[in-house]
Amino acid sequence: MTTRLLLVDDHRVVRSGLRLLLDNEVDLTIVGETGTGQEALQLVEQLQPDLVLMDIGLPDLSGIDVTYQIKQRWPDVAIVALTIHEDEEYFFKMLQAGVNGYVTKRAAPEELLTAVRTTIAGGVYLCPSLARLLVQDYLSGERSDKLDGLTEREQEILAQLAEGASNEAIAETLGISQKTVNRHRENIMRKLDLHSRADLVKYAIRKGIIQI
């Protein structure tokens, strides 16, 4: 059984190059191509492809909008973004639109074929440089969720306060003034909506900052 592909890119040269690459693969068949977003939507409806290779920079609708609309109307159609854009803005917008894969146009042909076959098999393929962005974003979000937006200094002071250290002791340990410690403490209590040292200790235990 062959995989039916639709090519969406506003550059004829790019589409020709993709045909040269993909026509050599016995398990892949190109059923159509277009350079506009509106026609892409029409062709998906008419041809019912298994996968769409989607450029982002189209002359009418953006590839992001087209991806979103396809996923809303035909959620089983896989979409792999094939684009020059390597910045996180477009990457995250395409992920939010529902794309199954993201490959840059400077990728090796083998990487594109891997992305196509991975997504058809039900997986997700992200080019390594952008996959790292996703991991970094996730880890950043995890840290933010875990400590509710506290700065590193506030986290240090929170841990020491929860362990029972006085403002004086914390100031001496960190090499800052007691006035600065007190200001950080007030910020911590405000950010966490805590009202006593007991509340602060409970919070620190719950978040794994200190152990019982």
N, C-alpha and C. Protein backbone atom coordinates (compact mmCIF):
# COMPACT_ATOMS: atom_id res chain seq x y z
N MET A 1 0.85 -1.20 0.00
CA MET A 1 0.00 0.00 0.00
C MET A 1 0.88 1.24 0.00
N THR A 2 0.61 2.16 -0.91
CA THR A 2 1.43 3.37 -1.01
C THR A 2 0.80 4.52 -0.26
N THR A 3 1.65 5.45 0.16
CA THR A 3 1.21 6.65 0.85
C THR A 3 0.96 7.75 -0.17
N ARG A 4 -0.20 8.36 -0.10
CA ARG A 4 -0.59 9.40 -1.05
C ARG A 4 -0.18 10.78 -0.51
N LEU A 5 0.61 11.50 -1.28
CA LEU A 5 1.16 12.78 -0.83
C LEU A 5 0.62 13.95 -1.64
N LEU A 6 0.41 15.07 -0.94
CA LEU A 6 0.09 16.34 -1.58
C LEU A 6 1.20 17.33 -1.26
N LEU A 7 1.74 18.00 -2.30
CA LEU A 7 2.82 18.96 -2.12
C LEU A 7 2.24 20.37 -2.12
N VAL A 8 2.56 21.14 -1.08
CA VAL A 8 2.08 22.53 -0.99
C VAL A 8 3.28 23.44 -0.78
N ASP A 9 3.67 24.13 -1.86
CA ASP A 9 4.81 25.06 -1.80
C ASP A 9 4.66 26.04 -2.95
N ASP A 10 4.89 27.33 -2.68
CA ASP A 10 4.66 28.33 -3.72
C ASP A 10 5.82 28.44 -4.71
N HIS A 11 6.85 27.63 -4.56
CA HIS A 11 7.97 27.64 -5.50
C HIS A 11 7.93 26.38 -6.36
N ARG A 12 7.77 26.57 -7.67
CA ARG A 12 7.71 25.43 -8.58
C ARG A 12 9.00 24.61 -8.54
N VAL A 13 10.13 25.30 -8.39
CA VAL A 13 11.41 24.61 -8.36
C VAL A 13 11.47 23.65 -7.18
N VAL A 14 10.96 24.10 -6.03
CA VAL A 14 10.95 23.23 -4.85
C VAL A 14 10.06 22.02 -5.08
N ARG A 15 8.89 22.25 -5.66
CA ARG A 15 7.98 21.13 -5.92
C ARG A 15 8.59 20.15 -6.91
N SER A 16 9.29 20.67 -7.91
CA SER A 16 9.95 19.79 -8.88
C SER A 16 11.02 18.94 -8.20
N GLY A 17 11.78 19.58 -7.33
CA GLY A 17 12.81 18.84 -6.60
C GLY A 17 12.21 17.76 -5.71
N LEU A 18 11.08 18.07 -5.07
CA LEU A 18 10.41 17.07 -4.23
C LEU A 18 9.91 15.91 -5.07
N ARG A 19 9.39 16.20 -6.27
CA ARG A 19 8.94 15.13 -7.15
C ARG A 19 10.09 14.21 -7.54
N LEU A 20 11.24 14.80 -7.87
CA LEU A 20 12.40 13.99 -8.23
C LEU A 20 12.79 13.05 -7.10
N LEU A 21 12.71 13.56 -5.88
CA LEU A 21 13.08 12.76 -4.72
C LEU A 21 12.03 11.69 -4.42
N LEU A 22 10.78 12.10 -4.36
CA LEU A 22 9.73 11.21 -3.87
C LEU A 22 9.25 10.21 -4.90
N ASP A 23 9.34 10.54 -6.19
CA ASP A 23 8.90 9.62 -7.23
C ASP A 23 9.75 8.36 -7.28
N ASN A 24 10.93 8.42 -6.70
CA ASN A 24 11.80 7.24 -6.68
C ASN A 24 11.46 6.26 -5.57
N GLU A 25 10.55 6.66 -4.69
CA GLU A 25 10.19 5.82 -3.55
C GLU A 25 8.93 5.02 -3.88
N VAL A 26 9.05 3.70 -3.89
CA VAL A 26 7.94 2.85 -4.34
C VAL A 26 6.74 2.91 -3.41
N ASP A 27 6.97 3.30 -2.14
CA ASP A 27 5.85 3.34 -1.19
C ASP A 27 5.21 4.71 -1.08
N LEU A 28 5.66 5.67 -1.92
CA LEU A 28 5.12 7.03 -1.88
C LEU A 28 4.62 7.43 -3.26
N THR A 29 3.43 8.06 -3.29
CA THR A 29 2.86 8.53 -4.55
C THR A 29 2.37 9.96 -4.40
N ILE A 30 2.83 10.84 -5.27
CA ILE A 30 2.36 12.23 -5.26
C ILE A 30 1.06 12.30 -6.05
N VAL A 31 -0.01 12.70 -5.39
CA VAL A 31 -1.33 12.75 -6.05
C VAL A 31 -1.70 14.16 -6.47
N GLY A 32 -0.94 15.17 -6.01
CA GLY A 32 -1.26 16.53 -6.40
C GLY A 32 -0.26 17.52 -5.84
N GLU A 33 -0.32 18.73 -6.36
CA GLU A 33 0.56 19.79 -5.85
C GLU A 33 -0.09 21.15 -6.09
N THR A 34 0.28 22.13 -5.28
CA THR A 34 -0.24 23.47 -5.42
C THR A 34 0.69 24.47 -4.76
N GLY A 35 0.51 25.75 -5.12
CA GLY A 35 1.32 26.80 -4.53
C GLY A 35 0.53 27.76 -3.68
N THR A 36 -0.75 27.45 -3.42
CA THR A 36 -1.57 28.35 -2.60
C THR A 36 -2.30 27.57 -1.50
N GLY A 37 -2.64 28.29 -0.44
CA GLY A 37 -3.33 27.67 0.68
C GLY A 37 -4.76 27.29 0.36
N GLN A 38 -5.47 28.17 -0.35
CA GLN A 38 -6.87 27.89 -0.69
C GLN A 38 -6.99 26.64 -1.56
N GLU A 39 -6.11 26.54 -2.55
CA GLU A 39 -6.16 25.36 -3.41
C GLU A 39 -5.75 24.12 -2.64
N ALA A 40 -4.87 24.28 -1.67
CA ALA A 40 -4.46 23.13 -0.85
C ALA A 40 -5.68 22.55 -0.13
N LEU A 41 -6.52 23.42 0.41
CA LEU A 41 -7.72 22.95 1.11
C LEU A 41 -8.66 22.23 0.14
N GLN A 42 -8.79 22.77 -1.06
CA GLN A 42 -9.65 22.14 -2.06
C GLN A 42 -9.11 20.76 -2.46
N LEU A 43 -7.78 20.68 -2.64
CA LEU A 43 -7.18 19.42 -3.07
C LEU A 43 -7.23 18.36 -1.97
N VAL A 44 -7.10 18.77 -0.72
CA VAL A 44 -7.22 17.80 0.36
C VAL A 44 -8.62 17.20 0.35
N GLU A 45 -9.61 18.05 0.13
CA GLU A 45 -10.99 17.56 0.09
C GLU A 45 -11.22 16.64 -1.12
N GLN A 46 -10.66 17.00 -2.28
CA GLN A 46 -10.88 16.23 -3.51
C GLN A 46 -10.06 14.93 -3.53
N LEU A 47 -8.80 15.02 -3.12
CA LEU A 47 -7.87 13.91 -3.31
C LEU A 47 -7.71 13.01 -2.09
N GLN A 48 -8.08 13.52 -0.91
CA GLN A 48 -7.96 12.77 0.33
C GLN A 48 -6.56 12.14 0.48
N PRO A 49 -5.52 12.97 0.48
CA PRO A 49 -4.15 12.43 0.64
C PRO A 49 -3.93 11.91 2.05
N ASP A 50 -2.93 11.05 2.18
CA ASP A 50 -2.55 10.55 3.51
C ASP A 50 -1.69 11.57 4.24
N LEU A 51 -0.91 12.32 3.45
CA LEU A 51 0.05 13.27 4.05
C LEU A 51 0.21 14.49 3.17
N VAL A 52 0.36 15.65 3.80
CA VAL A 52 0.61 16.91 3.10
C VAL A 52 1.98 17.43 3.51
N LEU A 53 2.81 17.72 2.51
CA LEU A 53 4.06 18.42 2.77
C LEU A 53 3.76 19.91 2.65
N MET A 54 3.86 20.63 3.74
CA MET A 54 3.33 21.99 3.84
C MET A 54 4.41 23.04 4.03
N ASP A 55 4.48 23.99 3.10
CA ASP A 55 5.32 25.17 3.29
C ASP A 55 4.57 26.15 4.19
N ILE A 56 5.28 27.03 4.87
CA ILE A 56 4.63 28.02 5.73
C ILE A 56 4.33 29.30 4.96
N GLY A 57 5.28 29.73 4.13
CA GLY A 57 5.13 31.01 3.43
C GLY A 57 4.37 30.88 2.13
N LEU A 58 3.05 30.89 2.19
CA LEU A 58 2.20 30.81 1.00
C LEU A 58 1.65 32.20 0.69
N PRO A 59 1.28 32.46 -0.58
CA PRO A 59 0.90 33.82 -0.96
C PRO A 59 -0.47 34.28 -0.47
N ASP A 60 -1.35 33.34 -0.14
CA ASP A 60 -2.69 33.76 0.31
C ASP A 60 -2.88 33.47 1.80
N LEU A 61 -3.11 32.22 2.13
CA LEU A 61 -3.16 31.82 3.53
C LEU A 61 -1.78 31.35 3.96
N SER A 62 -1.46 31.51 5.24
CA SER A 62 -0.18 30.97 5.71
C SER A 62 -0.31 29.46 5.89
N GLY A 63 0.83 28.77 5.84
CA GLY A 63 0.82 27.33 6.08
C GLY A 63 0.29 26.99 7.46
N ILE A 64 0.43 27.93 8.39
CA ILE A 64 -0.09 27.71 9.74
C ILE A 64 -1.61 27.64 9.71
N ASP A 65 -2.24 28.60 9.01
CA ASP A 65 -3.70 28.62 8.90
C ASP A 65 -4.22 27.40 8.15
N VAL A 66 -3.52 27.03 7.07
CA VAL A 66 -3.95 25.88 6.28
C VAL A 66 -3.85 24.60 7.11
N THR A 67 -2.76 24.47 7.84
CA THR A 67 -2.58 23.30 8.70
C THR A 67 -3.71 23.20 9.72
N TYR A 68 -4.02 24.32 10.35
CA TYR A 68 -5.09 24.33 11.35
C TYR A 68 -6.42 23.91 10.73
N GLN A 69 -6.73 24.45 9.56
CA GLN A 69 -8.01 24.13 8.92
C GLN A 69 -8.07 22.67 8.49
N ILE A 70 -6.97 22.15 7.97
CA ILE A 70 -6.96 20.74 7.58
C ILE A 70 -7.17 19.85 8.79
N LYS A 71 -6.50 20.17 9.88
CA LYS A 71 -6.61 19.35 11.08
C LYS A 71 -8.01 19.43 11.70
N GLN A 72 -8.66 20.56 11.54
CA GLN A 72 -10.02 20.68 12.04
C GLN A 72 -11.00 19.87 11.20
N ARG A 73 -10.79 19.84 9.89
CA ARG A 73 -11.74 19.20 8.97
C ARG A 73 -11.38 17.75 8.64
N TRP A 74 -10.08 17.48 8.57
CA TRP A 74 -9.62 16.12 8.23
C TRP A 74 -8.49 15.72 9.19
N PRO A 75 -8.83 15.43 10.42
CA PRO A 75 -7.80 15.20 11.45
C PRO A 75 -6.88 14.02 11.18
N ASP A 76 -7.30 13.09 10.32
CA ASP A 76 -6.46 11.92 10.04
C ASP A 76 -5.38 12.19 9.01
N VAL A 77 -5.46 13.33 8.33
CA VAL A 77 -4.43 13.68 7.35
C VAL A 77 -3.17 14.14 8.08
N ALA A 78 -2.06 13.47 7.84
CA ALA A 78 -0.79 13.87 8.46
C ALA A 78 -0.22 15.08 7.72
N ILE A 79 0.44 15.94 8.45
CA ILE A 79 1.04 17.14 7.84
C ILE A 79 2.47 17.28 8.33
N VAL A 80 3.39 17.40 7.37
CA VAL A 80 4.80 17.67 7.68
C VAL A 80 5.15 19.04 7.14
N ALA A 81 5.58 19.93 8.01
CA ALA A 81 6.03 21.25 7.58
C ALA A 81 7.41 21.11 6.95
N LEU A 82 7.56 21.65 5.75
CA LEU A 82 8.85 21.68 5.08
C LEU A 82 9.11 23.14 4.75
N THR A 83 10.02 23.77 5.49
CA THR A 83 10.09 25.23 5.46
C THR A 83 11.51 25.74 5.65
N ILE A 84 11.71 26.99 5.25
CA ILE A 84 13.01 27.63 5.50
C ILE A 84 13.09 28.16 6.92
N HIS A 85 11.95 28.26 7.60
CA HIS A 85 11.92 28.90 8.92
C HIS A 85 12.47 27.97 10.00
N GLU A 86 13.50 28.46 10.70
CA GLU A 86 14.09 27.68 11.79
C GLU A 86 13.99 28.39 13.13
N ASP A 87 13.19 29.46 13.19
CA ASP A 87 13.05 30.17 14.46
C ASP A 87 11.86 29.61 15.22
N GLU A 88 11.89 29.80 16.53
CA GLU A 88 10.91 29.16 17.39
C GLU A 88 9.49 29.69 17.20
N GLU A 89 9.34 30.92 16.71
CA GLU A 89 8.00 31.48 16.55
C GLU A 89 7.17 30.62 15.61
N TYR A 90 7.70 30.36 14.41
CA TYR A 90 6.96 29.55 13.44
C TYR A 90 6.85 28.10 13.90
N PHE A 91 7.90 27.61 14.50
CA PHE A 91 7.91 26.22 14.97
C PHE A 91 6.78 25.96 15.95
N PHE A 92 6.66 26.80 16.97
CA PHE A 92 5.63 26.59 17.99
C PHE A 92 4.23 26.85 17.42
N LYS A 93 4.10 27.79 16.51
CA LYS A 93 2.79 28.05 15.91
C LYS A 93 2.33 26.85 15.08
N MET A 94 3.24 26.22 14.35
CA MET A 94 2.88 25.04 13.57
C MET A 94 2.52 23.87 14.49
N LEU A 95 3.24 23.73 15.58
CA LEU A 95 2.90 22.68 16.54
C LEU A 95 1.50 22.90 17.11
N GLN A 96 1.20 24.14 17.43
CA GLN A 96 -0.13 24.45 17.96
C GLN A 96 -1.22 24.21 16.92
N ALA A 97 -0.89 24.39 15.65
CA ALA A 97 -1.86 24.15 14.58
C ALA A 97 -2.13 22.67 14.37
N GLY A 98 -1.21 21.83 14.86
CA GLY A 98 -1.44 20.39 14.78
C GLY A 98 -0.53 19.62 13.86
N VAL A 99 0.58 20.24 13.42
CA VAL A 99 1.48 19.57 12.49
C VAL A 99 2.07 18.30 13.11
N ASN A 100 2.31 17.29 12.26
CA ASN A 100 2.86 16.01 12.73
C ASN A 100 4.37 15.93 12.60
N GLY A 101 4.93 16.79 11.76
CA GLY A 101 6.37 16.78 11.58
C GLY A 101 6.86 18.16 11.15
N TYR A 102 8.14 18.43 11.39
CA TYR A 102 8.70 19.73 11.05
C TYR A 102 10.13 19.51 10.57
N VAL A 103 10.37 19.83 9.29
CA VAL A 103 11.68 19.63 8.67
C VAL A 103 12.07 20.91 7.96
N THR A 104 13.33 21.30 8.06
CA THR A 104 13.79 22.50 7.36
C THR A 104 14.26 22.13 5.96
N LYS A 105 14.22 23.10 5.07
CA LYS A 105 14.56 22.83 3.67
C LYS A 105 16.03 22.56 3.45
N ARG A 106 16.84 22.83 4.45
CA ARG A 106 18.26 22.50 4.30
C ARG A 106 18.57 21.10 4.81
N ALA A 107 17.53 20.37 5.21
CA ALA A 107 17.72 19.00 5.70
C ALA A 107 18.12 18.08 4.54
N ALA A 108 18.80 17.01 4.87
CA ALA A 108 19.17 16.01 3.86
C ALA A 108 17.91 15.30 3.37
N PRO A 109 17.91 14.83 2.12
CA PRO A 109 16.75 14.10 1.60
C PRO A 109 16.33 12.93 2.47
N GLU A 110 17.30 12.25 3.06
CA GLU A 110 17.00 11.10 3.91
C GLU A 110 16.18 11.52 5.13
N GLU A 111 16.44 12.74 5.64
CA GLU A 111 15.70 13.21 6.81
C GLU A 111 14.24 13.47 6.45
N LEU A 112 14.00 14.04 5.27
CA LEU A 112 12.63 14.27 4.84
C LEU A 112 11.89 12.95 4.69
N LEU A 113 12.53 11.96 4.08
CA LEU A 113 11.89 10.66 3.91
C LEU A 113 11.59 10.02 5.26
N THR A 114 12.51 10.18 6.20
CA THR A 114 12.28 9.65 7.54
C THR A 114 11.08 10.34 8.19
N ALA A 115 10.99 11.66 8.02
CA ALA A 115 9.87 12.41 8.59
C ALA A 115 8.54 11.94 8.00
N VAL A 116 8.51 11.74 6.69
CA VAL A 116 7.29 11.29 6.02
C VAL A 116 6.86 9.93 6.55
N ARG A 117 7.79 9.01 6.60
CA ARG A 117 7.43 7.64 7.01
C ARG A 117 7.11 7.57 8.51
N THR A 118 7.79 8.38 9.30
CA THR A 118 7.51 8.40 10.74
C THR A 118 6.09 8.89 11.01
N THR A 119 5.70 9.96 10.35
CA THR A 119 4.38 10.53 10.60
C THR A 119 3.27 9.63 10.04
N ILE A 120 3.52 9.00 8.90
CA ILE A 120 2.52 8.07 8.35
C ILE A 120 2.31 6.89 9.29
N ALA A 121 3.36 6.51 10.00
CA ALA A 121 3.26 5.39 10.95
C ALA A 121 2.61 5.82 12.26
N GLY A 122 2.23 7.09 12.35
CA GLY A 122 1.55 7.57 13.55
C GLY A 122 2.45 8.29 14.53
N GLY A 123 3.72 8.49 14.16
CA GLY A 123 4.65 9.17 15.05
C GLY A 123 4.74 10.65 14.75
N VAL A 124 5.66 11.30 15.44
CA VAL A 124 5.93 12.72 15.24
C VAL A 124 7.41 12.86 14.94
N TYR A 125 7.74 13.65 13.92
CA TYR A 125 9.14 13.87 13.59
C TYR A 125 9.44 15.36 13.65
N LEU A 126 10.44 15.73 14.46
CA LEU A 126 10.89 17.12 14.56
C LEU A 126 12.39 17.14 14.29
N CYS A 127 12.81 18.08 13.43
CA CYS A 127 14.25 18.16 13.17
C CYS A 127 14.98 18.44 14.48
N PRO A 128 16.16 17.82 14.67
CA PRO A 128 16.83 17.86 15.97
C PRO A 128 17.04 19.24 16.56
N SER A 129 17.42 20.23 15.74
CA SER A 129 17.70 21.57 16.29
C SER A 129 16.44 22.19 16.90
N LEU A 130 15.28 21.93 16.31
CA LEU A 130 14.04 22.49 16.83
C LEU A 130 13.44 21.62 17.92
N ALA A 131 13.72 20.33 17.87
CA ALA A 131 13.26 19.47 18.96
C ALA A 131 13.88 19.91 20.28
N ARG A 132 15.12 20.38 20.22
CA ARG A 132 15.77 20.90 21.44
C ARG A 132 15.02 22.09 22.00
N LEU A 133 14.50 22.95 21.11
CA LEU A 133 13.72 24.10 21.57
C LEU A 133 12.50 23.64 22.35
N LEU A 134 11.87 22.58 21.86
CA LEU A 134 10.67 22.08 22.52
C LEU A 134 11.01 21.55 23.91
N VAL A 135 12.12 20.83 24.01
CA VAL A 135 12.55 20.30 25.30
C VAL A 135 12.87 21.44 26.27
N GLN A 136 13.60 22.44 25.77
CA GLN A 136 13.95 23.58 26.62
C GLN A 136 12.71 24.31 27.10
N ASP A 137 11.74 24.48 26.18
CA ASP A 137 10.50 25.17 26.55
C ASP A 137 9.74 24.38 27.61
N TYR A 138 9.72 23.05 27.44
CA TYR A 138 9.01 22.20 28.40
C TYR A 138 9.68 22.28 29.78
N LEU A 139 11.01 22.16 29.77
CA LEU A 139 11.72 22.20 31.05
C LEU A 139 11.57 23.55 31.72
N SER A 140 11.59 24.62 30.94
CA SER A 140 11.39 25.96 31.50
C SER A 140 10.02 26.07 32.12
N GLY A 141 9.02 25.52 31.44
CA GLY A 141 7.67 25.54 31.97
C GLY A 141 7.54 24.73 33.23
N GLU A 142 8.24 23.58 33.27
CA GLU A 142 8.20 22.74 34.46
C GLU A 142 8.79 23.47 35.66
N ARG A 143 9.92 24.14 35.44
CA ARG A 143 10.54 24.87 36.54
C ARG A 143 9.64 26.00 37.01
N SER A 144 9.02 26.69 36.04
CA SER A 144 8.14 27.81 36.40
C SER A 144 6.93 27.32 37.18
N ASP A 145 6.34 26.19 36.70
CA ASP A 145 5.18 25.64 37.40
C ASP A 145 5.56 25.17 38.80
N LYS A 146 6.73 24.57 38.89
CA LYS A 146 7.13 23.98 40.16
C LYS A 146 7.34 25.04 41.22
N LEU A 147 7.92 26.16 40.85
CA LEU A 147 8.26 27.18 41.84
C LEU A 147 7.54 28.50 41.59
N ASP A 148 6.48 28.45 40.82
CA ASP A 148 5.57 29.59 40.68
C ASP A 148 6.26 30.90 40.32
N GLY A 149 7.24 30.83 39.46
CA GLY A 149 7.88 32.04 38.96
C GLY A 149 8.88 32.69 39.89
N LEU A 150 9.34 32.00 40.93
CA LEU A 150 10.34 32.57 41.83
C LEU A 150 11.68 32.68 41.11
N THR A 151 12.41 33.75 41.39
CA THR A 151 13.75 33.87 40.85
C THR A 151 14.68 32.89 41.56
N GLU A 152 15.88 32.71 40.99
CA GLU A 152 16.84 31.79 41.62
C GLU A 152 17.19 32.26 43.03
N ARG A 153 17.39 33.57 43.20
CA ARG A 153 17.70 34.10 44.53
C ARG A 153 16.55 33.85 45.51
N GLU A 154 15.32 34.06 45.04
CA GLU A 154 14.15 33.81 45.90
C GLU A 154 14.04 32.33 46.27
N GLN A 155 14.40 31.46 45.34
CA GLN A 155 14.38 30.04 45.64
C GLN A 155 15.40 29.69 46.73
N GLU A 156 16.59 30.31 46.62
CA GLU A 156 17.63 30.08 47.64
C GLU A 156 17.13 30.52 49.02
N ILE A 157 16.54 31.70 49.06
CA ILE A 157 16.07 32.24 50.34
C ILE A 157 14.88 31.44 50.85
N LEU A 158 14.00 31.03 49.96
CA LEU A 158 12.87 30.20 50.35
C LEU A 158 13.34 28.92 51.04
N ALA A 159 14.33 28.26 50.45
CA ALA A 159 14.83 27.01 51.03
C ALA A 159 15.39 27.25 52.44
N GLN A 160 16.13 28.33 52.60
CA GLN A 160 16.73 28.59 53.91
C GLN A 160 15.68 29.01 54.95
N LEU A 161 14.72 29.79 54.51
CA LEU A 161 13.63 30.17 55.42
C LEU A 161 12.87 28.93 55.88
N ALA A 162 12.60 28.03 54.96
CA ALA A 162 11.86 26.82 55.28
C ALA A 162 12.64 25.91 56.22
N GLU A 163 13.98 26.01 56.15
CA GLU A 163 14.83 25.21 57.04
C GLU A 163 14.94 25.85 58.42
N GLY A 164 14.37 27.06 58.56
CA GLY A 164 14.37 27.70 59.87
C GLY A 164 15.42 28.76 60.06
N ALA A 165 16.17 29.11 58.99
CA ALA A 165 17.23 30.12 59.12
C ALA A 165 16.62 31.50 59.33
N SER A 166 17.31 32.32 60.12
CA SER A 166 16.85 33.70 60.36
C SER A 166 17.29 34.59 59.22
N ASN A 167 16.70 35.78 59.14
CA ASN A 167 17.11 36.75 58.12
C ASN A 167 18.60 37.06 58.24
N GLU A 168 19.06 37.18 59.50
CA GLU A 168 20.47 37.49 59.74
C GLU A 168 21.37 36.39 59.19
N ALA A 169 21.02 35.13 59.48
CA ALA A 169 21.83 34.01 59.03
C ALA A 169 21.83 33.91 57.50
N ILE A 170 20.67 34.15 56.90
CA ILE A 170 20.59 34.08 55.43
C ILE A 170 21.43 35.17 54.80
N ALA A 171 21.36 36.37 55.37
CA ALA A 171 22.15 37.49 54.85
C ALA A 171 23.64 37.18 54.89
N GLU A 172 24.06 36.58 56.00
CA GLU A 172 25.49 36.24 56.15
C GLU A 172 25.89 35.16 55.16
N THR A 173 25.04 34.15 54.97
CA THR A 173 25.35 33.05 54.06
C THR A 173 25.45 33.52 52.62
N LEU A 174 24.52 34.38 52.21
CA LEU A 174 24.46 34.81 50.82
C LEU A 174 25.26 36.08 50.54
N GLY A 175 25.77 36.71 51.59
CA GLY A 175 26.57 37.92 51.42
C GLY A 175 25.74 39.11 50.98
N ILE A 176 24.53 39.20 51.51
CA ILE A 176 23.66 40.33 51.20
C ILE A 176 23.15 40.93 52.51
N SER A 177 22.50 42.06 52.43
CA SER A 177 22.02 42.72 53.65
C SER A 177 20.73 42.08 54.15
N GLN A 178 20.47 42.26 55.47
CA GLN A 178 19.22 41.75 56.03
C GLN A 178 18.02 42.45 55.38
N LYS A 179 18.20 43.71 55.01
CA LYS A 179 17.12 44.44 54.37
C LYS A 179 16.75 43.79 53.03
N THR A 180 17.78 43.35 52.29
CA THR A 180 17.54 42.67 51.01
C THR A 180 16.85 41.34 51.23
N VAL A 181 17.28 40.61 52.24
CA VAL A 181 16.64 39.33 52.57
C VAL A 181 15.17 39.55 52.89
N ASN A 182 14.91 40.56 53.67
CA ASN A 182 13.53 40.84 54.06
C ASN A 182 12.67 41.20 52.85
N ARG A 183 13.26 41.96 51.92
CA ARG A 183 12.51 42.33 50.71
C ARG A 183 12.21 41.09 49.87
N HIS A 184 13.19 40.19 49.75
CA HIS A 184 12.97 38.94 49.01
C HIS A 184 11.90 38.10 49.69
N ARG A 185 11.96 38.06 51.02
CA ARG A 185 10.98 37.28 51.77
C ARG A 185 9.56 37.80 51.50
N GLU A 186 9.41 39.12 51.51
CA GLU A 186 8.10 39.71 51.25
C GLU A 186 7.63 39.36 49.84
N ASN A 187 8.55 39.39 48.87
CA ASN A 187 8.19 39.04 47.50
C ASN A 187 7.77 37.58 47.39
N ILE A 188 8.49 36.72 48.10
CA ILE A 188 8.17 35.29 48.09
C ILE A 188 6.77 35.06 48.64
N MET A 189 6.48 35.65 49.78
CA MET A 189 5.18 35.47 50.41
C MET A 189 4.06 36.00 49.51
N ARG A 190 4.34 37.13 48.86
CA ARG A 190 3.32 37.72 47.98
C ARG A 190 3.07 36.83 46.77
N LYS A 191 4.15 36.38 46.12
CA LYS A 191 4.01 35.55 44.92
C LYS A 191 3.30 34.23 45.21
N LEU A 192 3.58 33.66 46.37
CA LEU A 192 3.02 32.35 46.72
C LEU A 192 1.71 32.47 47.50
N ASP A 193 1.33 33.69 47.82
CA ASP A 193 0.12 33.94 48.62
C ASP A 193 0.18 33.17 49.94
N LEU A 194 1.33 33.29 50.60
CA LEU A 194 1.53 32.67 51.91
C LEU A 194 1.53 33.76 52.97
N HIS A 195 1.20 33.36 54.23
CA HIS A 195 1.02 34.39 55.26
C HIS A 195 1.80 34.12 56.55
N SER A 196 2.54 33.02 56.59
CA SER A 196 3.31 32.71 57.79
C SER A 196 4.46 31.78 57.42
N ARG A 197 5.42 31.67 58.36
CA ARG A 197 6.52 30.73 58.12
C ARG A 197 6.01 29.30 58.04
N ALA A 198 4.97 28.98 58.79
CA ALA A 198 4.41 27.63 58.74
C ALA A 198 3.88 27.32 57.34
N ASP A 199 3.19 28.31 56.73
CA ASP A 199 2.71 28.13 55.37
C ASP A 199 3.86 27.93 54.40
N LEU A 200 4.91 28.70 54.63
CA LEU A 200 6.08 28.62 53.77
C LEU A 200 6.74 27.24 53.86
N VAL A 201 6.84 26.70 55.07
CA VAL A 201 7.43 25.38 55.28
C VAL A 201 6.59 24.32 54.58
N LYS A 202 5.27 24.40 54.73
CA LYS A 202 4.39 23.43 54.08
C LYS A 202 4.57 23.47 52.56
N TYR A 203 4.67 24.68 52.02
CA TYR A 203 4.86 24.84 50.59
C TYR A 203 6.18 24.19 50.14
N ALA A 204 7.24 24.45 50.90
CA ALA A 204 8.56 23.93 50.55
C ALA A 204 8.58 22.41 50.59
N ILE A 205 7.87 21.83 51.55
CA ILE A 205 7.80 20.36 51.63
C ILE A 205 7.01 19.81 50.45
N ARG A 206 5.89 20.44 50.15
CA ARG A 206 5.03 19.97 49.05
C ARG A 206 5.74 20.01 47.72
N LYS A 207 6.59 21.02 47.52
CA LYS A 207 7.31 21.18 46.26
C LYS A 207 8.63 20.41 46.23
N GLY A 208 8.96 19.75 47.32
CA GLY A 208 10.19 18.97 47.35
C GLY A 208 11.43 19.79 47.55
N ILE A 209 11.28 21.05 47.99
CA ILE A 209 12.44 21.91 48.24
C ILE A 209 13.20 21.47 49.47
N ILE A 210 12.47 21.06 50.49
CA ILE A 210 13.08 20.48 51.69
C ILE A 210 12.38 19.16 51.99
N GLN A 211 13.03 18.32 52.73
CA GLN A 211 12.48 17.03 53.11
C GLN A 211 12.09 17.05 54.59
N ILE A 212 11.05 16.30 54.91
CA ILE A 212 10.63 16.20 56.31
C ILE A 212 11.67 15.41 57.09
